[in-house]
Amino acid sequence: MSEHVDVLIVGAGLSGIGAAVHLTMQCPNRTFAILEGRPTLGGTWDLFRYPGIRSDSDMFTLGYRFRPWTDAKAIADGPSILRYLRETAAEYGIDRKIRFNRQVRSASWSSADARWTVTVERRDTGDTETVTCGYLLMAVGYYSYRGGHLPSFPGQERFLGQVVHPQEWPVDLDHTGKRIVVIGSGATAVTLVPALAKTAAHVTMLQRSPSYLWAIPDRDRVADLARALLPGPVAYRLIRWKNIGLQLLLYRRSRKSPERMTKWFIGQVRDALGADYDVERHFTPRYAPWDQRLCIVPNGDLFEAIRSGRASVVTDTIRTWDEGGIELESGQRLDADLIVTATGLELVVGGEIRFEVDGRPVDFAKTWTYRGAAYSGVPNLVSIFGYINASWTLRADLISEYVCRLLNRMERTGATICVPELRDGDRTMAPRPFIENFSSGYLQRIIDRLPRQGDWDPWLNPQDYRKEQRLFSAPVDDGVMQFRVAVGSGAKSVTAPGGRK
């Protein structure tokens, strides 16, 4: 199969479906298709099937701005989120644009032709296909779908029980009555432990160091009241802005007054578990709030499982695994029938796709990030990367809307190429990491493979919704994004109305 579209979206998860809807609404003259490597849509929300899978952000901000979240729970379970995505895709006709089982292997840009040639492997047949496009929109997320991060544990091969990573949870796994050790202290572990504890003999969360936990109700009382009193769309906008404000307030206060916020977070845990519990050891992190992402505890379910005796937390390091469990450096032993390695994700750059521009391989680590979405010197390409300190979809919506404005500008002027290029003054910028002040291991393991950010607009990735509303709504003709039209084997600049390029 060989097909050409104006815009090719890679990925049919939360970001890809949202981007497709924005294109449908704002760029009606553009043809587009979505390539999805898996047999179904949904991305994260279809891939992960472990017990208790749920959102770690409220759905009024994780949901799309253009389609209200109407379910009762603000912190929603995975199946409900997947249903929301399927309904959104069907409502806007996006499901008819998805080509399933298409794994993108490489993408090659030709300036002479002003198009990307994308090589695709059919996972259902093994055949190879090509698709060409004028603009490539990457909505593949940031982690590998081939498997999660799995450290090497001494003696692991001796363990006679079952070992499972949450990213590859077997659909037929019965954990009833089993002794379970969950290795990890992040959002996945915090979700798994209370869910498993409902039927397991006992669940132990084994952690090297604690994470910050935030206990909140899974229902938003203000949202319930607003939806009872106001028309649906009005209520949704109000709730959304309320929650965006709370997210920003929590983050900024954590950065400005880390000692005070640490005391507040730890106080929540102490109130939930009682004065006799060793909160200092098991729930007091070694880092400041928001140096890593907060873990939501809806309705305090983890604390309830601990209080009931069905679950416990052990803070220690592993000496070795053996036939029946784990021996810790302290000498303590954890017997187990099932060990869950909630040890995180394996992050990748560009969806593990090989990129070329005019025959030269692209090394994203040598590029500068443009508005945290595009790359210096790489034409007609945007990648959606959401927030690490707020709901992913907030940023996905901003990027998709920006791309639509960019495409409409190109249509008006006849431009076929747009590429961000460093100005003379930009070449003196001191390089900074793509994301700063975030110490989580999953990001630090690949930070040197990500693009750099600079010292000023538009070479920034501020990870701040208020700032980025201004950044992404700024004119697309900013003197950095260069617009051209392909002419034979070369290209010429295109001047926009008003004389700007």
Protein backbone atom coordinates (compact mmCIF):
# COMPACT_ATOMS: atom_id res chain seq x y z
CA MET A 1 0.00 0.00 0.00
CA SER A 2 1.17 3.50 -0.80
CA GLU A 3 -0.89 6.45 0.39
CA HIS A 4 -0.41 10.21 0.62
CA VAL A 5 -2.08 12.51 3.15
CA ASP A 6 -1.53 16.12 4.11
CA VAL A 7 -0.99 15.23 7.78
CA LEU A 8 0.04 11.89 9.20
CA ILE A 9 -0.53 11.27 12.91
CA VAL A 10 1.46 8.48 14.53
CA GLY A 11 -0.34 7.05 17.54
CA ALA A 12 -4.04 6.56 18.34
CA GLY A 13 -3.93 7.17 22.05
CA LEU A 14 -5.03 10.17 24.08
CA SER A 15 -2.80 12.62 22.16
CA GLY A 16 -3.40 11.22 18.67
CA ILE A 17 -7.17 11.14 18.92
CA GLY A 18 -7.21 14.66 20.32
CA ALA A 19 -4.94 15.94 17.54
CA ALA A 20 -7.18 14.34 14.92
CA VAL A 21 -10.26 16.06 16.33
CA HIS A 22 -8.49 19.44 16.29
CA LEU A 23 -7.55 18.86 12.63
CA THR A 24 -11.14 17.92 11.81
CA MET A 25 -12.51 21.07 13.40
CA GLN A 26 -9.82 23.62 12.48
CA CYS A 27 -8.29 22.33 9.23
CA PRO A 28 -11.25 20.85 7.34
CA ASN A 29 -9.45 21.00 3.98
CA ARG A 30 -6.53 18.86 5.14
CA THR A 31 -6.51 15.12 4.59
CA PHE A 32 -5.07 13.02 7.39
CA ALA A 33 -4.65 9.48 8.65
CA ILE A 34 -3.54 7.89 11.90
CA LEU A 35 -1.08 5.01 12.10
CA GLU A 36 -1.42 2.84 15.20
CA GLY A 37 0.98 -0.01 15.94
CA ARG A 38 -1.47 -1.95 18.05
CA PRO A 39 -4.77 -3.57 16.93
CA THR A 40 -6.91 -1.15 18.96
CA LEU A 41 -6.99 2.53 19.87
CA GLY A 42 -6.40 3.92 23.34
CA GLY A 43 -2.63 3.82 23.80
CA THR A 44 -1.79 3.71 27.50
CA TRP A 45 -5.41 3.12 28.46
CA ASP A 46 -5.68 0.00 26.35
CA LEU A 47 -2.15 -1.34 26.93
CA PHE A 48 -2.14 -1.35 30.73
CA ARG A 49 -4.51 -3.91 32.25
CA TYR A 50 -3.22 -4.31 35.81
CA PRO A 51 -5.69 -4.31 38.73
CA GLY A 52 -6.86 -0.85 39.75
CA ILE A 53 -5.51 0.95 36.67
CA ARG A 54 -6.77 4.54 36.84
CA SER A 55 -5.91 8.13 36.06
CA ASP A 56 -3.33 9.93 38.14
CA SER A 57 -4.83 13.29 37.20
CA ASP A 58 -8.40 14.55 37.46
CA MET A 59 -10.45 13.82 34.37
CA PHE A 60 -11.71 17.38 34.04
CA THR A 61 -8.19 18.34 32.93
CA LEU A 62 -7.06 14.96 31.55
CA GLY A 63 -10.18 14.98 29.40
CA TYR A 64 -10.29 17.05 26.23
CA ARG A 65 -11.24 20.69 26.28
CA PHE A 66 -13.62 20.13 23.36
CA ARG A 67 -15.46 17.15 24.87
CA PRO A 68 -16.61 17.29 28.52
CA TRP A 69 -15.95 14.45 30.90
CA THR A 70 -19.40 13.49 32.18
CA ASP A 71 -18.77 10.45 34.40
CA ALA A 72 -19.21 10.83 38.13
CA LYS A 73 -15.63 10.12 39.19
CA ALA A 74 -12.92 12.73 38.75
CA ILE A 75 -10.22 10.11 39.34
CA ALA A 76 -11.39 7.50 36.86
CA ASP A 77 -10.59 3.85 36.25
CA GLY A 78 -8.85 2.73 33.08
CA PRO A 79 -11.88 1.11 31.39
CA SER A 80 -13.89 4.34 31.82
CA ILE A 81 -11.10 6.39 30.24
CA LEU A 82 -10.81 3.94 27.36
CA ARG A 83 -14.57 4.16 26.80
CA TYR A 84 -14.29 7.98 26.73
CA LEU A 85 -11.56 7.76 24.05
CA ARG A 86 -13.55 5.32 21.94
CA GLU A 87 -16.66 7.47 22.17
CA THR A 88 -14.68 10.57 21.22
CA ALA A 89 -13.14 8.84 18.20
CA ALA A 90 -16.55 7.59 17.05
CA GLU A 91 -18.34 10.91 17.61
CA TYR A 92 -15.88 12.84 15.41
CA GLY A 93 -15.34 10.07 12.85
CA ILE A 94 -11.72 9.62 13.89
CA ASP A 95 -12.04 5.84 14.19
CA ARG A 96 -12.47 5.66 10.40
CA LYS A 97 -9.11 7.38 9.91
CA ILE A 98 -7.04 4.89 11.94
CA ARG A 99 -4.88 2.25 10.24
CA PHE A 100 -4.30 -0.40 12.90
CA ASN A 101 -1.34 -2.79 13.24
CA ARG A 102 0.91 -0.26 11.47
CA GLN A 103 4.25 0.04 13.26
CA VAL A 104 6.29 2.97 11.95
CA ARG A 105 9.94 2.02 11.50
CA SER A 106 11.45 5.02 9.73
CA ALA A 107 10.61 8.47 8.41
CA SER A 108 12.64 10.25 5.73
CA TRP A 109 12.19 13.90 4.78
CA SER A 110 12.87 15.26 1.31
CA SER A 111 13.18 19.04 0.98
CA ALA A 112 12.94 18.77 -2.80
CA ASP A 113 9.55 17.09 -2.54
CA ALA A 114 8.47 18.76 0.72
CA ARG A 115 7.24 15.49 2.13
CA TRP A 116 7.96 12.71 4.58
CA THR A 117 8.18 9.13 3.39
CA VAL A 118 7.19 6.86 6.24
CA THR A 119 8.03 3.16 6.23
CA VAL A 120 5.51 1.00 8.04
CA GLU A 121 5.56 -2.64 9.14
CA ARG A 122 2.22 -4.43 9.14
CA ARG A 123 2.21 -6.27 12.45
CA ASP A 124 -0.68 -8.50 11.38
CA THR A 125 0.84 -9.62 8.06
CA GLY A 126 4.53 -8.77 8.23
CA ASP A 127 4.29 -6.73 5.02
CA THR A 128 6.04 -3.39 4.53
CA GLU A 129 4.12 -0.31 3.38
CA THR A 130 4.97 3.31 2.72
CA VAL A 131 2.91 6.40 3.44
CA THR A 132 3.88 9.93 2.42
CA CYS A 133 2.72 13.13 4.04
CA GLY A 134 3.32 16.83 4.03
CA TYR A 135 3.35 17.13 7.81
CA LEU A 136 4.18 14.54 10.47
CA LEU A 137 2.57 14.75 13.91
CA MET A 138 4.06 12.38 16.47
CA ALA A 139 1.61 11.33 19.19
CA VAL A 140 3.43 8.23 20.41
CA GLY A 141 3.93 9.21 24.05
CA TYR A 142 7.30 8.85 25.67
CA TYR A 143 7.78 5.21 26.68
CA SER A 144 8.54 1.98 24.86
CA TYR A 145 5.62 -0.32 24.13
CA ARG A 146 8.02 -3.26 23.90
CA GLY A 147 8.36 -3.57 27.66
CA GLY A 148 8.83 -1.70 30.92
CA HIS A 149 12.02 -0.89 32.79
CA LEU A 150 13.29 -3.96 34.63
CA PRO A 151 16.47 -3.71 36.71
CA SER A 152 18.58 -6.82 37.21
CA PHE A 153 18.00 -8.32 40.67
CA PRO A 154 20.52 -10.73 42.21
CA GLY A 155 19.16 -14.27 42.33
CA GLN A 156 16.04 -13.45 40.34
CA GLU A 157 16.41 -16.63 38.28
CA ARG A 158 16.01 -18.74 41.46
CA PHE A 159 12.53 -17.50 42.34
CA LEU A 160 9.95 -20.27 41.84
CA GLY A 161 6.89 -18.06 41.94
CA GLN A 162 5.47 -15.79 39.25
CA VAL A 163 7.05 -12.46 38.24
CA VAL A 164 4.94 -9.83 36.48
CA HIS A 165 5.64 -6.32 35.22
CA PRO A 166 2.52 -4.09 35.24
CA GLN A 167 3.01 -3.25 31.57
CA GLU A 168 2.58 -6.93 30.68
CA TRP A 169 -0.13 -8.01 33.11
CA PRO A 170 -1.61 -11.41 32.14
CA VAL A 171 -5.37 -11.28 31.66
CA ASP A 172 -5.78 -14.67 33.38
CA LEU A 173 -3.63 -13.95 36.46
CA ASP A 174 -5.44 -14.95 39.65
CA HIS A 175 -3.78 -13.39 42.68
CA THR A 176 -6.43 -14.49 45.18
CA GLY A 177 -4.93 -15.75 48.44
CA LYS A 178 -1.35 -15.12 47.34
CA ARG A 179 1.51 -13.46 49.19
CA ILE A 180 2.53 -10.59 46.94
CA VAL A 181 5.53 -8.26 46.93
CA VAL A 182 5.22 -5.13 44.80
CA ILE A 183 8.64 -3.60 44.12
CA GLY A 184 8.32 0.15 43.67
CA SER A 185 6.87 3.27 45.23
CA GLY A 186 5.58 5.26 42.26
CA ALA A 187 2.07 5.79 40.95
CA THR A 188 1.74 2.25 39.62
CA ALA A 189 2.73 0.62 42.91
CA VAL A 190 0.49 2.98 44.88
CA THR A 191 -2.40 1.98 42.60
CA LEU A 192 -1.67 -1.76 42.61
CA VAL A 193 -1.24 -2.37 46.33
CA PRO A 194 -4.79 -1.53 47.50
CA ALA A 195 -6.33 -3.22 44.45
CA LEU A 196 -4.40 -6.46 45.00
CA ALA A 197 -4.97 -6.36 48.76
CA LYS A 198 -8.71 -6.83 48.30
CA THR A 199 -8.24 -10.58 47.65
CA ALA A 200 -4.56 -11.39 48.27
CA ALA A 201 -3.32 -13.05 51.46
CA HIS A 202 -1.07 -10.02 51.97
CA VAL A 203 0.61 -7.37 49.84
CA THR A 204 3.96 -5.77 50.70
CA MET A 205 5.10 -2.61 48.92
CA LEU A 206 8.89 -2.83 48.90
CA GLN A 207 10.57 0.49 48.23
CA ARG A 208 14.09 1.86 48.30
CA SER A 209 12.74 5.30 49.14
CA PRO A 210 9.27 6.85 49.54
CA SER A 211 7.32 9.08 47.17
CA TYR A 212 5.06 12.01 48.01
CA LEU A 213 1.46 10.91 48.33
CA TRP A 214 -1.64 13.07 48.09
CA ALA A 215 -4.94 11.64 49.33
CA ILE A 216 -7.97 13.16 47.58
CA PRO A 217 -11.56 11.99 46.97
CA ASP A 218 -12.21 10.28 43.66
CA ARG A 219 -15.26 12.51 43.25
CA ASP A 220 -15.09 16.31 42.99
CA ARG A 221 -17.84 17.82 45.16
CA VAL A 222 -17.54 21.23 43.51
CA ALA A 223 -17.90 19.54 40.13
CA ASP A 224 -20.98 17.64 41.30
CA LEU A 225 -22.55 20.91 42.48
CA ALA A 226 -21.63 22.81 39.30
CA ARG A 227 -23.06 20.10 37.07
CA ALA A 228 -26.26 20.08 39.09
CA LEU A 229 -26.77 23.84 38.80
CA LEU A 230 -25.25 24.84 35.44
CA PRO A 231 -25.53 23.75 31.81
CA GLY A 232 -23.06 20.95 31.06
CA PRO A 233 -20.55 22.86 28.88
CA VAL A 234 -20.51 25.84 31.27
CA ALA A 235 -19.99 23.59 34.28
CA TYR A 236 -17.15 21.74 32.51
CA ARG A 237 -15.30 24.95 31.68
CA LEU A 238 -15.69 26.18 35.24
CA ILE A 239 -14.50 22.90 36.79
CA ARG A 240 -11.62 22.65 34.34
CA TRP A 241 -10.32 26.12 35.15
CA LYS A 242 -10.75 25.50 38.86
CA ASN A 243 -8.66 22.33 38.66
CA ILE A 244 -6.03 23.89 36.41
CA GLY A 245 -5.67 26.65 38.99
CA LEU A 246 -5.33 24.16 41.83
CA GLN A 247 -2.68 22.17 39.94
CA LEU A 248 -0.64 25.30 39.28
CA LEU A 249 -1.07 26.56 42.84
CA LEU A 250 0.07 23.25 44.33
CA TYR A 251 3.10 23.08 42.04
CA ARG A 252 4.18 26.68 42.55
CA ARG A 253 3.77 26.52 46.32
CA SER A 254 5.77 23.30 46.38
CA ARG A 255 8.59 25.06 44.52
CA LYS A 256 8.42 28.26 46.53
CA SER A 257 8.01 26.72 50.00
CA PRO A 258 9.20 23.09 49.81
CA GLU A 259 9.65 22.72 53.59
CA ARG A 260 6.11 23.89 54.31
CA MET A 261 4.61 21.68 51.60
CA THR A 262 6.62 18.68 52.75
CA LYS A 263 5.21 19.13 56.23
CA TRP A 264 1.70 19.35 54.77
CA PHE A 265 2.02 16.20 52.64
CA ILE A 266 3.60 14.18 55.44
CA GLY A 267 0.97 15.47 57.86
CA GLN A 268 -1.74 14.03 55.63
CA VAL A 269 -0.13 10.61 55.82
CA ARG A 270 0.36 10.81 59.59
CA ASP A 271 -3.30 11.73 60.07
CA ALA A 272 -4.32 8.73 57.97
CA LEU A 273 -2.04 6.14 59.58
CA GLY A 274 -1.84 7.37 63.17
CA ALA A 275 0.90 8.59 65.47
CA ASP A 276 2.34 5.10 66.07
CA TYR A 277 3.13 4.45 62.39
CA ASP A 278 6.73 5.13 61.28
CA VAL A 279 5.83 7.81 58.76
CA GLU A 280 9.33 9.25 58.94
CA ARG A 281 10.83 6.07 57.51
CA HIS A 282 8.17 4.89 55.09
CA PHE A 283 6.50 8.05 53.79
CA THR A 284 9.06 10.88 54.01
CA PRO A 285 10.85 11.31 50.65
CA ARG A 286 14.48 12.33 50.30
CA TYR A 287 13.66 15.02 47.73
CA ALA A 288 11.53 18.15 47.61
CA PRO A 289 7.88 18.06 46.48
CA TRP A 290 7.55 17.92 42.68
CA ASP A 291 11.18 17.00 42.10
CA GLN A 292 9.26 13.89 41.08
CA ARG A 293 5.58 13.52 40.26
CA LEU A 294 3.09 13.29 43.13
CA CYS A 295 1.22 10.01 43.61
CA ILE A 296 -2.54 10.31 44.02
CA VAL A 297 -4.22 8.13 46.66
CA PRO A 298 -7.96 8.30 45.84
CA ASN A 299 -10.13 8.08 48.95
CA GLY A 300 -7.00 7.15 50.91
CA ASP A 301 -7.33 3.55 49.66
CA LEU A 302 -3.65 2.70 50.23
CA PHE A 303 -3.80 3.93 53.82
CA GLU A 304 -6.98 1.96 54.46
CA ALA A 305 -5.31 -1.23 53.18
CA ILE A 306 -2.36 -0.64 55.51
CA ARG A 307 -4.58 0.07 58.51
CA SER A 308 -6.54 -3.12 57.87
CA GLY A 309 -3.39 -5.24 57.89
CA ARG A 310 -3.96 -6.47 54.33
CA ALA A 311 -0.98 -4.44 53.12
CA SER A 312 2.31 -3.16 54.51
CA VAL A 313 5.24 -1.02 53.44
CA VAL A 314 8.89 -2.02 53.77
CA THR A 315 11.66 0.48 53.07
CA ASP A 316 14.89 -1.37 52.37
CA THR A 317 17.18 -2.58 49.60
CA ILE A 318 17.32 -6.03 48.07
CA ARG A 319 20.19 -8.37 48.86
CA THR A 320 18.95 -11.26 46.76
CA TRP A 321 15.96 -13.17 45.50
CA ASP A 322 15.70 -16.84 46.31
CA GLU A 323 13.28 -19.70 45.67
CA GLY A 324 10.60 -18.39 48.00
CA GLY A 325 10.91 -14.62 48.04
CA ILE A 326 13.29 -11.75 48.72
CA GLU A 327 16.03 -11.28 51.30
CA LEU A 328 16.73 -7.66 52.22
CA GLU A 329 19.97 -5.96 53.23
CA SER A 330 18.60 -5.49 56.76
CA GLY A 331 18.24 -9.26 57.09
CA GLN A 332 14.45 -9.15 56.85
CA ARG A 333 12.84 -11.71 54.57
CA LEU A 334 9.72 -11.29 52.43
CA ASP A 335 8.04 -14.56 51.43
CA ALA A 336 6.18 -14.31 48.14
CA ASP A 337 4.14 -16.33 45.69
CA LEU A 338 3.99 -13.43 43.24
CA ILE A 339 6.44 -10.55 42.73
CA VAL A 340 5.28 -7.50 40.81
CA THR A 341 8.10 -5.37 39.40
CA ALA A 342 6.51 -1.91 39.37
CA THR A 343 9.92 -0.51 38.47
CA GLY A 344 8.85 2.02 35.90
CA LEU A 345 8.80 2.66 32.19
CA GLU A 346 11.53 2.51 29.57
CA LEU A 347 11.48 5.94 27.95
CA VAL A 348 12.35 6.37 24.28
CA VAL A 349 12.85 9.26 21.87
CA GLY A 350 10.62 9.65 18.84
CA GLY A 351 8.77 6.39 19.31
CA GLU A 352 11.91 4.37 18.46
CA ILE A 353 11.59 5.54 14.84
CA ARG A 354 14.61 6.26 12.63
CA PHE A 355 14.43 9.80 11.24
CA GLU A 356 16.33 11.28 8.31
CA VAL A 357 16.32 14.77 6.81
CA ASP A 358 17.61 14.88 3.23
CA GLY A 359 19.52 11.66 3.76
CA ARG A 360 21.12 12.65 7.07
CA PRO A 361 20.14 10.82 10.27
CA VAL A 362 18.51 13.04 12.88
CA ASP A 363 20.12 13.07 16.32
CA PHE A 364 17.52 14.77 18.47
CA ALA A 365 20.06 15.33 21.25
CA LYS A 366 21.83 17.79 18.95
CA THR A 367 18.70 19.79 18.23
CA TRP A 368 17.07 22.60 20.19
CA THR A 369 13.46 22.23 21.23
CA TYR A 370 11.14 24.77 19.64
CA ARG A 371 8.22 25.61 21.97
CA GLY A 372 8.85 22.21 23.55
CA ALA A 373 7.25 20.56 20.51
CA ALA A 374 9.34 20.90 17.33
CA TYR A 375 13.07 20.61 16.65
CA SER A 376 15.60 23.01 15.17
CA GLY A 377 16.47 22.09 11.60
CA VAL A 378 13.77 19.40 11.31
CA PRO A 379 11.00 20.44 8.89
CA ASN A 380 7.26 19.76 9.12
CA LEU A 381 7.39 17.76 12.33
CA VAL A 382 5.91 18.15 15.80
CA SER A 383 5.97 15.77 18.77
CA ILE A 384 3.37 15.91 21.51
CA PHE A 385 4.94 15.74 24.96
CA GLY A 386 2.60 16.63 27.82
CA TYR A 387 3.17 17.88 31.34
CA ILE A 388 5.08 16.11 34.08
CA ASN A 389 3.51 18.40 36.70
CA ALA A 390 -0.09 18.58 35.45
CA SER A 391 -2.48 16.70 33.17
CA TRP A 392 -0.90 15.49 29.93
CA THR A 393 -3.85 16.56 27.79
CA LEU A 394 -3.59 20.23 28.71
CA ARG A 395 -0.36 20.49 26.75
CA ALA A 396 -1.47 18.07 24.04
CA ASP A 397 -4.41 20.38 23.30
CA LEU A 398 -2.12 23.44 23.14
CA ILE A 399 0.27 21.75 20.72
CA SER A 400 -2.51 20.43 18.48
CA GLU A 401 -4.15 23.85 18.27
CA TYR A 402 -0.79 25.42 17.42
CA VAL A 403 -0.21 22.89 14.64
CA CYS A 404 -3.60 23.74 13.16
CA ARG A 405 -2.74 27.46 13.11
CA LEU A 406 0.60 26.62 11.51
CA LEU A 407 -1.03 24.50 8.80
CA ASN A 408 -3.64 27.16 8.10
CA ARG A 409 -0.92 29.77 7.70
CA MET A 410 0.86 27.50 5.21
CA GLU A 411 -2.35 26.97 3.28
CA ARG A 412 -3.00 30.72 3.04
CA THR A 413 0.48 31.51 1.73
CA GLY A 414 1.19 28.41 -0.33
CA ALA A 415 4.11 27.36 1.83
CA THR A 416 4.95 23.65 1.81
CA ILE A 417 7.88 23.70 4.28
CA CYS A 418 8.10 25.10 7.80
CA VAL A 419 11.23 24.63 9.84
CA PRO A 420 12.46 26.30 13.06
CA GLU A 421 15.97 27.64 12.60
CA LEU A 422 18.35 29.28 15.06
CA ARG A 423 18.90 32.98 14.59
CA ASP A 424 22.43 34.35 14.90
CA GLY A 425 21.76 35.49 18.46
CA ASP A 426 20.29 32.13 19.41
CA ARG A 427 23.59 30.37 18.82
CA THR A 428 24.99 31.81 22.04
CA MET A 429 22.34 30.15 24.21
CA ALA A 430 23.58 27.93 27.02
CA PRO A 431 22.04 24.46 26.59
CA ARG A 432 19.75 23.22 29.34
CA PRO A 433 17.97 19.88 29.75
CA PHE A 434 14.67 19.36 27.95
CA ILE A 435 12.99 19.18 31.37
CA GLU A 436 14.65 20.76 34.39
CA ASN A 437 14.36 20.11 38.13
CA PHE A 438 12.79 16.68 37.74
CA SER A 439 14.80 13.83 39.21
CA SER A 440 12.69 10.76 38.38
CA GLY A 441 14.88 7.93 37.17
CA TYR A 442 12.75 7.13 34.11
CA LEU A 443 13.47 10.61 32.72
CA GLN A 444 17.08 10.90 33.85
CA ARG A 445 17.93 7.65 32.06
CA ILE A 446 17.30 9.29 28.67
CA ILE A 447 17.74 13.02 29.34
CA ASP A 448 20.95 13.13 27.29
CA ARG A 449 19.06 11.81 24.24
CA LEU A 450 16.37 14.50 24.31
CA PRO A 451 16.62 17.89 22.59
CA ARG A 452 18.06 20.83 24.51
CA GLN A 453 16.19 23.93 25.57
CA GLY A 454 17.72 27.38 25.57
CA ASP A 455 17.50 30.61 27.52
CA TRP A 456 14.63 32.45 25.82
CA ASP A 457 11.52 32.08 23.67
CA PRO A 458 10.79 30.16 21.62
CA TRP A 459 13.54 27.71 22.58
CA LEU A 460 11.91 26.84 25.90
CA ASN A 461 9.99 23.97 27.45
CA PRO A 462 8.73 25.68 30.63
CA GLN A 463 6.22 22.98 31.65
CA ASP A 464 3.89 25.71 32.89
CA TYR A 465 0.38 25.85 31.46
CA ARG A 466 -0.16 29.58 31.98
CA LYS A 467 3.15 30.46 30.33
CA GLU A 468 2.60 28.04 27.50
CA GLN A 469 -0.82 29.40 26.72
CA ARG A 470 1.04 32.57 25.75
CA LEU A 471 3.91 30.70 24.11
CA PHE A 472 1.69 28.61 21.85
CA SER A 473 -0.74 31.42 21.07
CA ALA A 474 2.08 33.73 19.91
CA PRO A 475 2.17 34.40 16.14
CA VAL A 476 3.44 31.48 14.09
CA ASP A 477 5.43 34.04 12.08
CA ASP A 478 7.92 34.69 14.87
CA GLY A 479 11.10 35.06 12.83
CA VAL A 480 12.26 31.62 13.93
CA MET A 481 9.82 29.35 12.11
CA GLN A 482 10.83 29.70 8.47
CA PHE A 483 8.25 29.14 5.72
CA ARG A 484 9.26 28.01 2.25
CA VAL A 485 7.86 26.41 -0.86
CA ALA A 486 9.67 23.54 -2.53
CA VAL A 487 10.85 24.42 -6.05
CA GLY A 488 12.36 21.49 -7.90
CA SER A 489 15.50 20.50 -6.00
CA GLY A 490 15.46 23.56 -3.76
CA ALA A 491 13.14 25.86 -1.84
CA LYS A 492 12.31 29.55 -1.67
CA SER A 493 10.97 31.63 1.17
CA VAL A 494 7.34 32.60 1.33
CA THR A 495 6.30 35.99 2.61
CA ALA A 496 3.15 36.21 4.68
CA PRO A 497 0.59 39.02 4.36
CA GLY A 498 2.04 42.12 5.96
CA GLY A 499 5.57 41.34 4.81
CA ARG A 500 6.50 38.83 7.51
CA LYS A 501 8.02 35.51 6.54
